[in-house]
Amino acid sequence: MISIGLGFDFYGSGNIGEDLMISGFMKALSKLNVIDKTNIYASCKYRLKSQRRRFPQIHWFSNWDAVSLHLSKSEDVSWWVGLGDTPFQLTSGDWLLRYFRERLTTIRNFKAKCLINVGGESEIMPRWPEFKEIAEVFDRISTRDEFSSEIMISKLKILSEKIFTAADLAHIAMSELIHGSTHCIEKKFKLGMIVAGDTLCETDIVQIREFILSRPHPIAFLANDDRRGYRYERDMYDMMCRGVMQSIWLRTKVKLLLADYDRGSLSDLIKPISLCETIISSRYHGILIAAWLGCKVAAIGRSSKIIALAKELGIPHCHIPIGEGALESLERNAIAVDRTTLCEKANAAIKGVAFALNVG
């Protein structure tokens, strides 16, 4: 038996991608025939009930101290596991860097520690020594793409034998959700947009607003993360609706769609995206989900990880600041991603779990 403490405590915050990554990890353990030999403990400081409902196999607690207590009583080999996400990034601020630095002593005290199918961004380079210190703590790191591996090896100078290029854990979850389902849901919208605005300027927001207003058909405005706050999707929707006349006109053109994060199943969480023929997204997992659902997809490259994913999947993308006509071009040239490519990513993601945990 092995005992795993999931080291990230921000699950349950409302980010659909994080739920898909947890699901992908659990399904990978099952496929590797180690799920019955594994005890998994996790802390969740947000909507704890949502996580217990969707992932009952995990022992959920409201704080890390409770997780640590259970791990200390275990006679199994105990692992500190950083699961998915983009820990090597500064795009949304340095909070993840601070998160790791505050926990480095705890992580070092574990006999086994790994990062599983994580991402990186080139924007970290101004503070690369700090990120290098964090990466060097871990025994093994599987990444979610070649781009992230290149950052680990070439930029942070991490030993190549500690790195394995895999794929995002959400690929595993999506392959299971799609398997056996035709997903022939009526397409209610020709276009859906998923826009996180943490790196967008005011001009970008104006471009998006004008693009929406110029469309001849209603648009779905989707939330990959249902939180309210600075530049999350719901905040972006409110920003575009500022002003009486803008609000009146825009609300006739766009429909804000939110999944029921607290009570919904994983299938419920991805359903709003499935209602759209085409998706333009600045969110990593918005792109990934749409690709698996067979939508035509294009990306707003709000950070280097989005551009890397777009290139990996072969879909069109634009850079920021968003140029005039860029969004029209994305809608016109958006394409569906080949299912074989996606299935290969799901298989690679499973191999990443096996490498990081040294199983299978």
Protein backbone atom coordinates (compact mmCIF):
# COMPACT_ATOMS: atom_id res chain seq x y z
CA MET A 1 0.00 0.00 0.00
CA ILE A 2 1.01 3.58 -0.58
CA SER A 3 -0.49 6.69 0.96
CA ILE A 4 -0.75 9.86 -1.11
CA GLY A 5 -1.25 13.34 0.21
CA LEU A 6 -2.44 15.65 -2.54
CA GLY A 7 -0.42 18.75 -1.78
CA PHE A 8 -2.60 21.36 -3.47
CA ASP A 9 -5.47 22.62 -1.31
CA PHE A 10 -7.20 24.85 -3.85
CA TYR A 11 -9.45 22.15 -5.29
CA GLY A 12 -13.17 22.92 -5.13
CA SER A 13 -12.60 26.57 -6.04
CA GLY A 14 -14.93 26.37 -9.03
CA ASN A 15 -12.40 25.56 -11.76
CA ILE A 16 -13.76 22.76 -13.97
CA GLY A 17 -10.29 21.88 -15.24
CA GLU A 18 -9.09 20.98 -11.75
CA ASP A 19 -11.97 18.54 -11.29
CA LEU A 20 -11.17 16.90 -14.61
CA MET A 21 -7.52 16.55 -13.59
CA ILE A 22 -8.46 14.85 -10.32
CA SER A 23 -10.79 12.52 -12.21
CA GLY A 24 -8.06 11.75 -14.73
CA PHE A 25 -5.62 10.91 -11.95
CA MET A 26 -8.08 8.52 -10.28
CA LYS A 27 -8.83 6.80 -13.58
CA ALA A 28 -5.11 6.48 -14.31
CA LEU A 29 -4.57 4.73 -10.97
CA SER A 30 -7.36 2.34 -11.88
CA LYS A 31 -5.88 1.60 -15.30
CA LEU A 32 -2.47 1.03 -13.71
CA ASN A 33 -4.07 -1.47 -11.29
CA VAL A 34 -2.91 0.40 -8.19
CA ILE A 35 -6.13 2.10 -7.10
CA ASP A 36 -6.90 -0.67 -4.60
CA LYS A 37 -3.39 -0.36 -3.16
CA THR A 38 -3.56 3.38 -2.64
CA ASN A 39 -4.97 5.57 0.10
CA ILE A 40 -5.44 9.16 -1.02
CA TYR A 41 -5.85 12.12 1.32
CA ALA A 42 -6.53 15.71 0.31
CA SER A 43 -7.39 19.05 1.84
CA CYS A 44 -9.89 21.43 0.32
CA LYS A 45 -10.36 24.95 1.65
CA TYR A 46 -13.21 25.86 -0.68
CA ARG A 47 -16.34 23.86 -1.56
CA LEU A 48 -15.54 20.66 0.25
CA LYS A 49 -18.93 19.05 -0.35
CA SER A 50 -18.51 19.29 -4.12
CA GLN A 51 -15.27 17.32 -3.96
CA ARG A 52 -16.60 14.67 -1.63
CA ARG A 53 -19.59 14.25 -3.91
CA ARG A 54 -17.57 13.86 -7.11
CA PHE A 55 -14.58 11.95 -5.68
CA PRO A 56 -15.73 9.77 -2.78
CA GLN A 57 -12.67 7.51 -3.11
CA ILE A 58 -10.51 10.34 -1.76
CA HIS A 59 -10.39 11.11 1.96
CA TRP A 60 -11.18 14.83 2.01
CA PHE A 61 -10.43 17.20 4.87
CA SER A 62 -10.76 20.93 5.34
CA ASN A 63 -7.08 21.53 6.13
CA TRP A 64 -3.64 20.04 5.54
CA ASP A 65 -3.04 19.35 9.25
CA ALA A 66 -5.73 16.65 9.15
CA VAL A 67 -4.14 15.13 6.04
CA SER A 68 -0.70 15.21 7.66
CA LEU A 69 -2.05 13.51 10.78
CA HIS A 70 -3.48 10.60 8.77
CA LEU A 71 -0.29 10.24 6.76
CA SER A 72 1.82 10.19 9.94
CA LYS A 73 -0.22 7.28 11.30
CA SER A 74 0.14 5.29 8.11
CA GLU A 75 2.64 2.45 7.88
CA ASP A 76 2.63 2.82 4.11
CA VAL A 77 5.13 4.76 2.04
CA SER A 78 3.78 8.33 2.08
CA TRP A 79 3.92 10.57 -0.98
CA TRP A 80 3.54 14.33 -1.36
CA VAL A 81 1.93 14.71 -4.78
CA GLY A 82 1.39 17.92 -6.70
CA LEU A 83 -1.38 17.03 -9.10
CA GLY A 84 -1.70 18.76 -12.46
CA ASP A 85 -2.25 22.49 -12.94
CA THR A 86 0.46 24.99 -13.91
CA PRO A 87 2.69 25.45 -10.86
CA PHE A 88 5.51 26.98 -12.91
CA GLN A 89 3.77 30.19 -13.90
CA LEU A 90 3.51 33.89 -13.07
CA THR A 91 0.69 34.84 -15.44
CA SER A 92 -1.90 35.06 -12.66
CA GLY A 93 0.56 36.47 -10.13
CA ASP A 94 3.17 34.82 -7.93
CA TRP A 95 0.73 33.17 -5.54
CA LEU A 96 1.71 29.63 -6.61
CA LEU A 97 5.37 30.45 -6.15
CA ARG A 98 4.63 31.69 -2.65
CA TYR A 99 2.44 28.63 -2.07
CA PHE A 100 5.36 26.30 -2.75
CA ARG A 101 7.92 28.33 -0.81
CA GLU A 102 5.72 28.23 2.28
CA ARG A 103 5.54 24.43 2.02
CA LEU A 104 9.07 23.50 0.97
CA THR A 105 10.07 22.27 4.42
CA THR A 106 6.99 20.06 4.62
CA ILE A 107 7.57 18.68 1.12
CA ARG A 108 11.25 17.92 1.83
CA ASN A 109 10.26 15.85 4.86
CA PHE A 110 8.42 13.33 2.67
CA LYS A 111 10.44 10.31 1.57
CA ALA A 112 8.69 10.38 -1.80
CA LYS A 113 7.53 13.50 -3.61
CA CYS A 114 6.53 14.17 -7.19
CA LEU A 115 4.68 16.48 -9.53
CA ILE A 116 2.27 14.75 -11.90
CA ASN A 117 1.55 16.05 -15.42
CA VAL A 118 2.14 19.68 -14.53
CA GLY A 119 2.53 22.67 -16.81
CA GLY A 120 4.97 25.52 -17.12
CA GLU A 121 5.10 28.92 -18.79
CA SER A 122 8.04 30.81 -20.24
CA GLU A 123 6.88 33.91 -18.34
CA ILE A 124 8.59 32.51 -15.21
CA MET A 125 12.10 33.33 -16.46
CA PRO A 126 12.51 36.66 -14.57
CA ARG A 127 12.35 34.56 -11.36
CA TRP A 128 13.75 31.30 -12.66
CA PRO A 129 16.15 30.67 -9.69
CA GLU A 130 13.18 30.51 -7.31
CA PHE A 131 11.31 28.07 -9.54
CA LYS A 132 14.46 25.98 -9.98
CA GLU A 133 14.74 25.63 -6.20
CA ILE A 134 11.20 24.29 -6.09
CA ALA A 135 11.59 21.87 -8.98
CA GLU A 136 14.79 20.40 -7.53
CA VAL A 137 12.94 19.27 -4.41
CA PHE A 138 10.96 16.64 -6.32
CA ASP A 139 12.15 13.12 -7.12
CA ARG A 140 10.23 12.97 -10.39
CA ILE A 141 8.24 15.39 -12.51
CA SER A 142 5.94 14.43 -15.35
CA THR A 143 4.84 17.35 -17.50
CA ARG A 144 1.76 17.86 -19.62
CA ASP A 145 3.61 18.76 -22.84
CA GLU A 146 6.96 19.14 -24.58
CA PHE A 147 6.84 22.88 -23.95
CA SER A 148 6.78 22.38 -20.16
CA SER A 149 9.53 19.74 -20.32
CA GLU A 150 11.69 22.18 -22.28
CA ILE A 151 11.23 24.76 -19.54
CA MET A 152 12.20 22.23 -16.86
CA ILE A 153 15.29 20.93 -18.64
CA SER A 154 16.61 23.84 -20.71
CA LYS A 155 15.51 26.84 -18.65
CA LEU A 156 15.55 25.55 -15.06
CA LYS A 157 18.36 23.05 -15.70
CA ILE A 158 16.58 20.14 -14.03
CA LEU A 159 18.18 16.75 -14.71
CA SER A 160 16.48 15.21 -17.74
CA GLU A 161 16.16 11.81 -16.05
CA LYS A 162 13.80 13.40 -13.52
CA ILE A 163 11.48 14.67 -16.28
CA PHE A 164 8.93 12.77 -18.36
CA THR A 165 6.81 14.36 -21.08
CA ALA A 166 3.21 13.19 -20.69
CA ALA A 167 -0.07 15.05 -21.25
CA ASP A 168 -2.72 16.80 -19.21
CA LEU A 169 -4.65 14.59 -16.80
CA ALA A 170 -7.94 16.00 -18.10
CA HIS A 171 -7.40 14.04 -21.32
CA ILE A 172 -7.94 10.83 -19.35
CA ALA A 173 -11.14 12.10 -17.79
CA MET A 174 -12.50 13.37 -21.10
CA SER A 175 -11.72 10.10 -22.89
CA GLU A 176 -13.80 8.27 -20.31
CA LEU A 177 -16.65 10.80 -20.43
CA ILE A 178 -16.81 10.63 -24.21
CA HIS A 179 -16.36 6.84 -24.47
CA GLY A 180 -19.64 5.14 -25.30
CA SER A 181 -21.42 8.47 -25.77
CA THR A 182 -22.18 10.07 -29.11
CA HIS A 183 -22.67 13.47 -27.46
CA CYS A 184 -25.21 14.36 -30.15
CA ILE A 185 -26.52 17.25 -28.11
CA GLU A 186 -28.42 19.89 -30.03
CA LYS A 187 -26.08 22.77 -30.79
CA LYS A 188 -27.90 25.82 -29.50
CA PHE A 189 -25.08 28.24 -30.30
CA LYS A 190 -22.92 28.65 -33.36
CA LEU A 191 -20.21 30.17 -31.18
CA GLY A 192 -19.16 30.00 -27.55
CA MET A 193 -16.42 32.05 -25.90
CA ILE A 194 -14.38 31.26 -22.78
CA VAL A 195 -12.43 34.35 -21.79
CA ALA A 196 -10.24 34.68 -18.72
CA GLY A 197 -8.83 38.17 -18.73
CA ASP A 198 -5.85 38.15 -16.36
CA THR A 199 -3.43 39.22 -19.11
CA LEU A 200 -5.87 41.10 -21.35
CA CYS A 201 -5.73 44.88 -21.67
CA GLU A 202 -8.67 47.25 -22.02
CA THR A 203 -8.20 47.29 -25.79
CA ASP A 204 -8.56 43.50 -25.84
CA ILE A 205 -11.81 43.73 -23.92
CA VAL A 206 -13.11 46.32 -26.37
CA GLN A 207 -12.16 44.04 -29.27
CA ILE A 208 -14.06 41.15 -27.71
CA ARG A 209 -17.11 43.32 -27.02
CA GLU A 210 -17.18 44.68 -30.55
CA PHE A 211 -16.73 41.21 -31.98
CA ILE A 212 -19.70 39.91 -30.00
CA LEU A 213 -21.89 42.82 -31.03
CA SER A 214 -21.01 42.30 -34.69
CA ARG A 215 -22.02 38.63 -34.76
CA PRO A 216 -25.28 37.87 -36.61
CA HIS A 217 -26.19 35.15 -34.13
CA PRO A 218 -26.34 34.83 -30.31
CA ILE A 219 -23.12 33.80 -28.57
CA ALA A 220 -22.64 31.66 -25.45
CA PHE A 221 -20.28 33.20 -22.88
CA LEU A 222 -18.98 30.25 -20.86
CA ALA A 223 -17.30 30.04 -17.48
CA ASN A 224 -14.50 27.50 -17.12
CA ASP A 225 -14.23 28.89 -13.58
CA ASP A 226 -17.40 30.06 -11.86
CA ARG A 227 -15.75 32.31 -9.29
CA ARG A 228 -16.37 36.01 -9.14
CA GLY A 229 -13.32 38.20 -8.93
CA TYR A 230 -10.66 39.99 -10.92
CA ARG A 231 -10.76 38.93 -14.57
CA TYR A 232 -12.53 35.59 -14.10
CA GLU A 233 -15.10 34.85 -16.79
CA ARG A 234 -18.07 36.23 -14.88
CA ASP A 235 -16.14 39.41 -14.16
CA MET A 236 -15.24 39.68 -17.84
CA TYR A 237 -18.92 39.38 -18.76
CA ASP A 238 -19.79 42.18 -16.32
CA MET A 239 -16.98 44.37 -17.65
CA MET A 240 -18.26 44.06 -21.20
CA CYS A 241 -21.78 44.97 -20.08
CA ARG A 242 -20.75 48.25 -18.47
CA GLY A 243 -22.82 51.19 -19.57
CA VAL A 244 -26.58 51.21 -20.06
CA MET A 245 -26.64 51.01 -23.84
CA GLN A 246 -23.76 48.52 -24.01
CA SER A 247 -25.53 46.32 -21.51
CA ILE A 248 -28.83 46.38 -23.41
CA TRP A 249 -27.26 45.58 -26.75
CA LEU A 250 -24.77 43.02 -25.47
CA ARG A 251 -27.28 41.08 -23.43
CA THR A 252 -29.32 40.54 -26.58
CA LYS A 253 -26.22 39.06 -28.22
CA VAL A 254 -24.66 36.94 -25.51
CA LYS A 255 -25.89 34.35 -23.01
CA LEU A 256 -23.87 33.68 -19.86
CA LEU A 257 -23.84 29.92 -19.21
CA LEU A 258 -22.79 28.49 -15.84
CA ALA A 259 -22.60 24.84 -14.86
CA ASP A 260 -23.82 23.81 -11.40
CA TYR A 261 -20.38 23.37 -9.86
CA ASP A 262 -21.60 22.53 -6.37
CA ARG A 263 -24.00 19.75 -7.31
CA GLY A 264 -23.22 18.79 -10.90
CA SER A 265 -21.48 15.66 -12.16
CA LEU A 266 -18.45 15.93 -14.42
CA SER A 267 -20.78 15.46 -17.39
CA ASP A 268 -22.90 18.34 -16.13
CA LEU A 269 -19.83 20.57 -15.83
CA ILE A 270 -18.82 20.16 -19.47
CA LYS A 271 -22.34 20.27 -20.92
CA PRO A 272 -22.47 24.04 -21.59
CA ILE A 273 -19.46 23.75 -23.91
CA SER A 274 -21.12 20.89 -25.78
CA LEU A 275 -23.96 23.24 -26.77
CA CYS A 276 -21.64 25.19 -29.09
CA GLU A 277 -20.51 24.42 -32.62
CA THR A 278 -17.35 26.51 -32.28
CA ILE A 279 -15.36 27.54 -29.19
CA ILE A 280 -12.88 30.40 -28.93
CA SER A 281 -11.08 30.08 -25.61
CA SER A 282 -8.30 31.72 -23.65
CA ARG A 283 -8.55 28.90 -21.09
CA TYR A 284 -6.35 25.80 -21.36
CA HIS A 285 -9.01 23.33 -20.27
CA GLY A 286 -11.70 25.16 -22.20
CA ILE A 287 -9.75 24.31 -25.34
CA LEU A 288 -9.14 20.74 -24.24
CA ILE A 289 -12.77 20.05 -23.31
CA ALA A 290 -14.08 21.59 -26.53
CA ALA A 291 -11.65 19.51 -28.58
CA TRP A 292 -12.85 16.27 -26.99
CA LEU A 293 -16.48 17.30 -27.48
CA GLY A 294 -15.89 17.63 -31.22
CA CYS A 295 -16.31 21.40 -31.36
CA LYS A 296 -14.34 23.48 -33.80
CA VAL A 297 -11.73 25.21 -31.65
CA ALA A 298 -9.49 28.28 -31.71
CA ALA A 299 -7.41 29.92 -29.00
CA ILE A 300 -6.73 33.38 -27.63
CA GLY A 301 -3.07 33.14 -26.60
CA ARG A 302 -3.27 34.93 -23.29
CA SER A 303 -0.08 33.16 -22.13
CA SER A 304 2.65 30.91 -23.46
CA LYS A 305 0.90 27.73 -22.25
CA ILE A 306 -2.16 28.51 -24.40
CA ILE A 307 -0.05 29.13 -27.47
CA ALA A 308 1.85 25.87 -26.83
CA LEU A 309 -1.41 23.92 -26.55
CA ALA A 310 -2.78 25.48 -29.73
CA LYS A 311 0.34 24.47 -31.63
CA GLU A 312 0.23 20.99 -30.13
CA LEU A 313 -3.37 20.45 -31.23
CA GLY A 314 -2.92 22.22 -34.57
CA ILE A 315 -5.65 24.80 -33.98
CA PRO A 316 -5.52 28.50 -34.94
CA HIS A 317 -4.60 31.05 -32.31
CA CYS A 318 -4.02 34.76 -31.95
CA HIS A 319 -1.58 36.61 -29.73
CA ILE A 320 -2.33 39.46 -27.36
CA PRO A 321 -2.97 42.29 -27.68
CA ILE A 322 -5.81 41.12 -29.90
CA GLY A 323 -5.50 42.74 -33.30
CA GLU A 324 -8.35 44.06 -35.40
CA GLY A 325 -10.05 41.21 -37.22
CA ALA A 326 -8.23 38.54 -35.18
CA LEU A 327 -11.35 37.13 -33.56
CA GLU A 328 -13.23 37.03 -36.85
CA SER A 329 -10.31 35.07 -38.28
CA LEU A 330 -10.35 32.64 -35.36
CA GLU A 331 -14.05 31.93 -35.80
CA ARG A 332 -13.64 31.47 -39.53
CA ASN A 333 -10.62 29.16 -39.28
CA ALA A 334 -11.46 27.18 -36.13
CA ILE A 335 -11.13 23.42 -36.66
CA ALA A 336 -12.03 20.16 -34.93
CA VAL A 337 -9.12 18.23 -33.44
CA ASP A 338 -8.46 14.73 -34.72
CA ARG A 339 -9.74 12.19 -32.17
CA THR A 340 -6.67 9.97 -32.66
CA THR A 341 -4.47 12.82 -31.48
CA LEU A 342 -6.59 13.26 -28.37
CA CYS A 343 -6.55 9.54 -27.56
CA GLU A 344 -2.78 9.55 -27.84
CA LYS A 345 -2.71 12.35 -25.29
CA ALA A 346 -4.88 10.35 -22.90
CA ASN A 347 -2.51 7.38 -23.14
CA ALA A 348 0.50 9.64 -22.63
CA ALA A 349 -1.14 11.12 -19.54
CA ILE A 350 -1.49 7.66 -17.99
CA LYS A 351 2.19 6.99 -18.65
CA GLY A 352 3.01 10.25 -16.89
CA VAL A 353 1.24 9.07 -13.74
CA ALA A 354 3.12 5.77 -13.89
CA PHE A 355 6.46 7.57 -14.23
CA ALA A 356 5.87 10.06 -11.43
CA LEU A 357 4.72 7.42 -8.95
CA ASN A 358 7.19 4.82 -10.28
CA VAL A 359 4.46 2.21 -10.80
CA GLY A 360 3.24 0.08 -13.68
